[in-house]
Amino acid sequence: MSRFSFILRRLARGVLTIWFAVTVTFLLLRLLPGDPATALASPNMTAEIRATILTQYGLDQPLIVQYGLFMWQLVQGNLGISFTQSVPVVDVLMQRLPWTLLLTLTALALTVLIGIPLGVAAAARKGTFVDRAVQVVGVTGQSLFVPSVAVFLLFAFGLMLGWFPIGGAYDNGAYGMEWYASVARHLVLPAVSLMLVQVGSYVLTMRSTLIDALGEDYVTLARANGLPYRRILWRHALRNALLPTTTLIGLQLGFLVGGAVLTETVFAYPGIGRGIYDAVTQLDFPVLQGAFLMLAVTVVVANTITDIVYGYLDPRVKTS
């Protein structure tokens, strides 16, 4: 398979995945109990007022017509108008997107910077106390649940010790360098929450793949030629062991984004995840559809890029 065909197949699969995610999201939202008219109007509204609201937002049309209109607007880059805020959904999401990107990228960086060195340390000292301790950390991390970790950190380090803020993204009234310091303090607990539930996978994957790499013939040959063990570990074995970890970064991004939704809700962090929670309580279909679409596109693009990068790093993938 040529490079062009390989990339084209991955891109086509990504587009198909996005379409499927958008369609499922559209249908699932229509299965929610209640409707936007109930959320927008008072409990004492008449049937005529309710019908008017449904007509205004096109919700009185058959489901297939609503889907067709939604897809046509989506192709034009129009995500609709928020039911509750009466502003374009794009504007609502773009206000929240930077905060979600800041949170997820910070958590991803912490996970990689902590998980990979721990995995290397465990593989380099296989069978020792360090190895067993790191494995315990990895298994424990994989068993953690995002909301539970977030609530614990919020209670312990926010309420009890008072080391970090318990909600929001920055202090009101802060400006200049003080504002940046405030953003960093508010970011610590949400980012650490996401890191703790993700790092176990990186630790165990890195340990396993590096142990396999250290058992390869080229490592034995390098040792026979008198190369220092540290050089063999970091410059030869680690390079090959990083290939599965590269794939893991793309695959885990979906879980990271899903975890961000829960984390932002716990910490009242003003990202897309918190926006999804607010939109669900208000039955704001356009915001929900736009948010899920943005998250789906982010995950699919990240996985597609990961597939392409992995294909270049390991040519065997392109011929499979």
Protein backbone atom coordinates (compact mmCIF):
# COMPACT_ATOMS: atom_id res chain seq x y z
CA MET A 1 0.00 0.00 0.00
CA SER A 2 1.42 3.40 -1.02
CA ARG A 3 1.75 6.27 1.44
CA PHE A 4 -0.98 8.21 -0.37
CA SER A 5 -3.42 5.28 -0.24
CA PHE A 6 -2.61 4.67 3.41
CA ILE A 7 -3.31 8.30 4.36
CA LEU A 8 -6.43 8.45 2.17
CA ARG A 9 -7.90 5.33 3.82
CA ARG A 10 -7.25 6.73 7.28
CA LEU A 11 -8.84 10.07 6.40
CA ALA A 12 -11.89 8.36 4.87
CA ARG A 13 -12.31 6.25 7.99
CA GLY A 14 -12.06 9.39 10.12
CA VAL A 15 -14.77 11.18 8.12
CA LEU A 16 -17.06 8.14 8.36
CA THR A 17 -16.51 7.95 12.12
CA ILE A 18 -17.38 11.63 12.54
CA TRP A 19 -20.58 11.20 10.51
CA PHE A 20 -21.58 8.21 12.61
CA ALA A 21 -20.88 10.09 15.86
CA VAL A 22 -22.89 13.11 14.70
CA THR A 23 -25.85 10.94 13.66
CA VAL A 24 -25.91 8.95 16.90
CA THR A 25 -25.67 12.17 18.92
CA PHE A 26 -28.57 13.72 16.98
CA LEU A 27 -30.79 10.69 17.62
CA LEU A 28 -29.86 10.20 21.27
CA LEU A 29 -30.62 13.81 22.15
CA ARG A 30 -34.12 13.43 20.74
CA LEU A 31 -34.68 10.51 23.10
CA LEU A 32 -34.13 12.65 26.20
CA PRO A 33 -37.27 13.10 28.32
CA GLY A 34 -38.98 16.47 27.90
CA ASP A 35 -38.33 19.05 25.22
CA PRO A 36 -36.82 22.56 24.96
CA ALA A 37 -40.23 24.18 25.13
CA THR A 38 -40.67 22.86 28.65
CA ALA A 39 -37.27 24.23 29.66
CA LEU A 40 -37.74 27.63 28.02
CA ALA A 41 -41.27 28.47 29.07
CA SER A 42 -43.00 28.58 32.42
CA PRO A 43 -44.78 25.51 33.82
CA ASN A 44 -48.10 27.28 33.25
CA MET A 45 -47.65 27.83 29.52
CA THR A 46 -50.53 27.03 27.21
CA ALA A 47 -50.46 24.44 24.45
CA GLU A 48 -50.38 27.27 21.87
CA ILE A 49 -47.25 28.82 23.39
CA ARG A 50 -45.54 25.47 23.54
CA ALA A 51 -46.41 24.76 19.89
CA THR A 52 -45.08 28.18 18.89
CA ILE A 53 -41.75 27.51 20.60
CA LEU A 54 -41.42 24.11 18.93
CA THR A 55 -42.21 25.64 15.53
CA GLN A 56 -39.71 28.46 16.07
CA TYR A 57 -36.88 25.98 16.50
CA GLY A 58 -38.12 23.51 13.90
CA LEU A 59 -38.83 20.81 16.50
CA ASP A 60 -42.35 20.21 15.20
CA GLN A 61 -40.97 18.70 11.97
CA PRO A 62 -40.58 14.93 11.44
CA LEU A 63 -37.30 13.54 12.75
CA ILE A 64 -35.90 12.85 9.27
CA VAL A 65 -36.59 16.47 8.27
CA GLN A 66 -34.86 17.77 11.40
CA TYR A 67 -31.87 15.54 10.63
CA GLY A 68 -31.68 16.73 7.04
CA LEU A 69 -31.81 20.39 8.09
CA PHE A 70 -29.20 19.78 10.78
CA MET A 71 -26.76 18.09 8.36
CA TRP A 72 -27.30 20.82 5.73
CA GLN A 73 -26.54 23.53 8.26
CA LEU A 74 -23.55 21.55 9.51
CA VAL A 75 -22.08 21.36 6.01
CA GLN A 76 -22.37 25.15 5.85
CA GLY A 77 -20.56 25.53 9.17
CA ASN A 78 -23.70 26.58 11.01
CA LEU A 79 -24.23 24.81 14.35
CA GLY A 80 -27.45 26.66 15.08
CA ILE A 81 -28.57 29.05 17.81
CA SER A 82 -28.50 28.22 21.49
CA PHE A 83 -32.01 27.72 22.83
CA THR A 84 -31.24 29.30 26.20
CA GLN A 85 -28.63 31.95 25.33
CA SER A 86 -30.01 33.01 21.91
CA VAL A 87 -26.49 33.32 20.45
CA PRO A 88 -24.71 31.18 17.82
CA VAL A 89 -23.51 27.86 19.19
CA VAL A 90 -20.09 28.50 17.65
CA ASP A 91 -19.68 31.55 19.87
CA VAL A 92 -20.71 29.57 22.96
CA LEU A 93 -18.23 26.79 22.22
CA MET A 94 -15.34 29.05 21.25
CA GLN A 95 -15.59 30.78 24.62
CA ARG A 96 -15.16 27.42 26.37
CA LEU A 97 -12.79 25.60 24.00
CA PRO A 98 -9.55 27.30 25.19
CA TRP A 99 -10.18 26.18 28.77
CA THR A 100 -10.80 22.57 27.75
CA LEU A 101 -7.68 22.57 25.56
CA LEU A 102 -5.62 24.00 28.41
CA LEU A 103 -6.90 21.34 30.81
CA THR A 104 -6.57 18.32 28.52
CA LEU A 105 -3.16 19.25 27.10
CA THR A 106 -1.79 19.96 30.58
CA ALA A 107 -3.11 16.62 31.84
CA LEU A 108 -1.69 14.83 28.79
CA ALA A 109 1.73 16.44 29.26
CA LEU A 110 1.79 15.47 32.95
CA THR A 111 0.73 11.92 32.11
CA VAL A 112 3.45 11.44 29.51
CA LEU A 113 6.18 13.12 31.57
CA ILE A 114 5.36 10.96 34.60
CA GLY A 115 4.14 7.71 33.04
CA ILE A 116 6.95 7.07 30.57
CA PRO A 117 9.87 7.58 33.02
CA LEU A 118 8.13 5.39 35.61
CA GLY A 119 7.66 2.66 33.01
CA VAL A 120 11.31 2.92 31.98
CA ALA A 121 12.42 2.74 35.62
CA ALA A 122 10.34 -0.40 36.19
CA ALA A 123 11.60 -2.14 33.02
CA ALA A 124 15.22 -1.25 33.73
CA ARG A 125 14.90 -2.75 37.24
CA LYS A 126 12.69 -5.72 36.42
CA GLY A 127 11.94 -7.89 39.43
CA THR A 128 13.18 -5.39 42.00
CA PHE A 129 11.24 -3.44 44.62
CA VAL A 130 11.13 -0.45 42.26
CA ASP A 131 9.51 -2.58 39.56
CA ARG A 132 6.87 -3.97 41.93
CA ALA A 133 6.11 -0.53 43.37
CA VAL A 134 5.68 0.99 39.91
CA GLN A 135 3.37 -1.86 38.88
CA VAL A 136 1.22 -1.19 41.93
CA VAL A 137 1.04 2.47 40.90
CA GLY A 138 0.06 1.48 37.36
CA VAL A 139 -2.66 -0.98 38.36
CA THR A 140 -4.04 1.43 40.97
CA GLY A 141 -4.16 4.24 38.42
CA GLN A 142 -6.13 2.10 35.99
CA SER A 143 -8.75 1.33 38.64
CA LEU A 144 -9.44 4.97 39.57
CA PHE A 145 -12.68 6.74 38.59
CA VAL A 146 -12.43 10.37 37.50
CA PRO A 147 -15.25 11.88 39.62
CA SER A 148 -14.09 10.01 42.73
CA VAL A 149 -10.53 11.28 42.34
CA ALA A 150 -11.73 14.80 41.58
CA VAL A 151 -14.02 14.92 44.62
CA PHE A 152 -11.26 13.56 46.88
CA LEU A 153 -8.71 16.13 45.68
CA LEU A 154 -11.30 18.88 45.94
CA PHE A 155 -12.12 17.94 49.52
CA ALA A 156 -8.55 17.22 50.69
CA PHE A 157 -6.51 19.95 49.01
CA GLY A 158 -9.23 22.50 48.37
CA LEU A 159 -11.55 22.46 51.38
CA MET A 160 -9.49 20.85 54.15
CA LEU A 161 -5.97 22.17 53.44
CA GLY A 162 -6.97 25.19 51.37
CA TRP A 163 -3.93 24.88 49.13
CA PHE A 164 -5.82 25.30 45.86
CA PRO A 165 -9.09 26.94 44.70
CA ILE A 166 -12.15 24.70 44.72
CA GLY A 167 -13.79 25.95 41.53
CA GLY A 168 -13.63 28.18 38.49
CA ALA A 169 -10.69 28.95 36.22
CA TYR A 170 -9.31 32.18 37.74
CA ASP A 171 -9.88 34.71 40.50
CA ASN A 172 -12.20 37.59 39.75
CA GLY A 173 -10.36 40.90 39.62
CA ALA A 174 -6.97 39.37 38.86
CA TYR A 175 -4.99 40.86 35.96
CA GLY A 176 -1.52 40.70 34.42
CA MET A 177 0.86 38.14 35.92
CA GLU A 178 -1.49 37.75 38.85
CA TRP A 179 -4.14 36.49 36.43
CA TYR A 180 -1.79 33.88 34.93
CA ALA A 181 -0.80 32.70 38.43
CA SER A 182 -4.49 32.43 39.30
CA VAL A 183 -5.17 30.35 36.18
CA ALA A 184 -2.29 28.02 37.09
CA ARG A 185 -3.58 27.52 40.65
CA HIS A 186 -7.10 26.73 39.43
CA LEU A 187 -5.68 24.31 36.86
CA VAL A 188 -3.71 22.12 39.28
CA LEU A 189 -6.48 19.99 40.81
CA PRO A 190 -8.45 19.31 37.59
CA ALA A 191 -5.28 18.45 35.65
CA VAL A 192 -3.94 16.19 38.40
CA SER A 193 -7.31 14.43 38.59
CA LEU A 194 -7.14 13.56 34.89
CA MET A 195 -3.46 12.62 35.11
CA LEU A 196 -3.97 10.17 37.98
CA VAL A 197 -6.58 8.13 36.12
CA GLN A 198 -4.54 8.05 32.88
CA VAL A 199 -0.97 7.52 34.06
CA GLY A 200 -1.41 3.84 34.95
CA SER A 201 -1.91 2.81 31.30
CA TYR A 202 1.26 4.62 30.23
CA VAL A 203 3.30 3.10 33.05
CA LEU A 204 2.25 -0.50 32.34
CA THR A 205 2.45 -0.15 28.55
CA MET A 206 5.90 1.44 28.68
CA ARG A 207 7.18 -1.21 31.10
CA SER A 208 5.85 -4.11 29.02
CA THR A 209 7.08 -2.86 25.63
CA LEU A 210 10.50 -1.86 26.96
CA ILE A 211 11.03 -5.27 28.59
CA ASP A 212 10.21 -6.87 25.24
CA ALA A 213 12.60 -4.51 23.46
CA LEU A 214 15.40 -5.27 25.91
CA GLY A 215 15.03 -8.95 25.03
CA GLU A 216 15.54 -8.43 21.29
CA ASP A 217 18.61 -9.71 19.44
CA TYR A 218 19.94 -6.24 18.63
CA VAL A 219 20.12 -5.45 22.35
CA THR A 220 22.04 -8.68 22.98
CA LEU A 221 24.40 -7.79 20.16
CA ALA A 222 24.88 -4.27 21.52
CA ARG A 223 25.75 -5.67 24.93
CA ALA A 224 28.19 -8.12 23.36
CA ASN A 225 29.90 -5.18 21.66
CA GLY A 226 30.43 -3.55 25.03
CA LEU A 227 27.96 -0.64 24.73
CA PRO A 228 26.99 0.86 28.11
CA TYR A 229 23.64 -0.41 29.40
CA ARG A 230 22.31 3.12 29.86
CA ARG A 231 23.05 3.95 26.22
CA ILE A 232 21.40 0.74 25.04
CA LEU A 233 18.35 1.49 27.17
CA TRP A 234 17.78 5.12 26.21
CA ARG A 235 19.08 5.28 22.63
CA HIS A 236 18.13 1.89 21.21
CA ALA A 237 15.53 -0.06 23.16
CA LEU A 238 13.45 2.95 24.19
CA ARG A 239 13.12 4.16 20.61
CA ASN A 240 11.33 0.97 19.58
CA ALA A 241 9.37 0.71 22.82
CA LEU A 242 7.88 4.17 22.23
CA LEU A 243 5.90 3.01 19.17
CA PRO A 244 3.02 1.40 21.15
CA THR A 245 3.07 4.34 23.56
CA THR A 246 2.62 6.71 20.61
CA THR A 247 -0.51 4.80 19.66
CA LEU A 248 -1.69 4.86 23.27
CA ILE A 249 -1.55 8.67 23.32
CA GLY A 250 -4.04 8.86 20.48
CA LEU A 251 -6.30 6.15 21.88
CA GLN A 252 -6.30 7.57 25.40
CA LEU A 253 -7.17 11.05 24.16
CA GLY A 254 -10.79 9.96 23.86
CA PHE A 255 -10.84 8.88 27.49
CA LEU A 256 -9.06 12.10 28.42
CA VAL A 257 -11.72 14.21 26.73
CA GLY A 258 -14.49 12.18 28.39
CA GLY A 259 -12.78 12.56 31.74
CA ALA A 260 -12.51 16.30 31.18
CA VAL A 261 -16.31 16.50 30.94
CA LEU A 262 -16.66 14.95 34.41
CA THR A 263 -13.73 16.86 35.89
CA GLU A 264 -14.96 20.23 34.65
CA THR A 265 -18.34 19.53 36.18
CA VAL A 266 -16.86 18.70 39.60
CA PHE A 267 -14.57 21.75 39.64
CA ALA A 268 -17.03 24.10 37.87
CA TYR A 269 -14.31 24.64 35.28
CA PRO A 270 -15.68 26.74 32.39
CA GLY A 271 -14.78 24.35 29.57
CA ILE A 272 -16.85 22.46 27.04
CA GLY A 273 -17.47 19.68 29.55
CA ARG A 274 -19.17 22.06 31.95
CA GLY A 275 -21.07 23.49 29.00
CA ILE A 276 -22.36 20.01 28.16
CA TYR A 277 -23.59 19.56 31.72
CA ASP A 278 -25.41 22.91 31.63
CA ALA A 279 -26.88 22.16 28.19
CA VAL A 280 -28.23 18.78 29.37
CA THR A 281 -30.02 20.35 32.33
CA GLN A 282 -31.51 23.00 30.01
CA LEU A 283 -32.23 20.64 27.07
CA ASP A 284 -30.23 22.96 24.82
CA PHE A 285 -29.99 20.64 21.79
CA PRO A 286 -27.87 22.90 19.53
CA VAL A 287 -25.18 23.40 22.18
CA LEU A 288 -25.13 19.67 22.97
CA GLN A 289 -24.86 18.75 19.30
CA GLY A 290 -22.12 21.30 18.70
CA ALA A 291 -20.16 20.25 21.78
CA PHE A 292 -20.35 16.54 20.98
CA LEU A 293 -19.38 17.26 17.38
CA MET A 294 -16.35 19.27 18.47
CA LEU A 295 -15.24 16.57 20.90
CA ALA A 296 -15.78 13.83 18.32
CA VAL A 297 -13.79 15.70 15.69
CA THR A 298 -10.97 16.28 18.19
CA VAL A 299 -10.74 12.60 19.10
CA VAL A 300 -11.02 11.37 15.51
CA VAL A 301 -8.42 13.83 14.24
CA ALA A 302 -6.03 12.88 17.04
CA ASN A 303 -6.47 9.16 16.31
CA THR A 304 -6.09 9.69 12.56
CA ILE A 305 -2.86 11.65 13.07
CA THR A 306 -1.64 8.92 15.43
CA ASP A 307 -2.35 6.23 12.81
CA ILE A 308 -0.50 8.19 10.14
CA VAL A 309 2.48 8.90 12.39
CA TYR A 310 2.64 5.28 13.50
CA GLY A 311 2.55 4.21 9.86
CA TYR A 312 5.61 6.33 9.15
CA LEU A 313 7.42 5.12 12.27
CA ASP A 314 6.62 1.47 11.55
CA PRO A 315 6.35 0.77 7.78
CA ARG A 316 4.83 -2.67 8.49
CA VAL A 317 1.54 -0.95 9.37
CA LYS A 318 1.12 0.44 5.85
CA THR A 319 1.49 -3.00 4.28
CA SER A 320 -0.87 -4.80 6.66
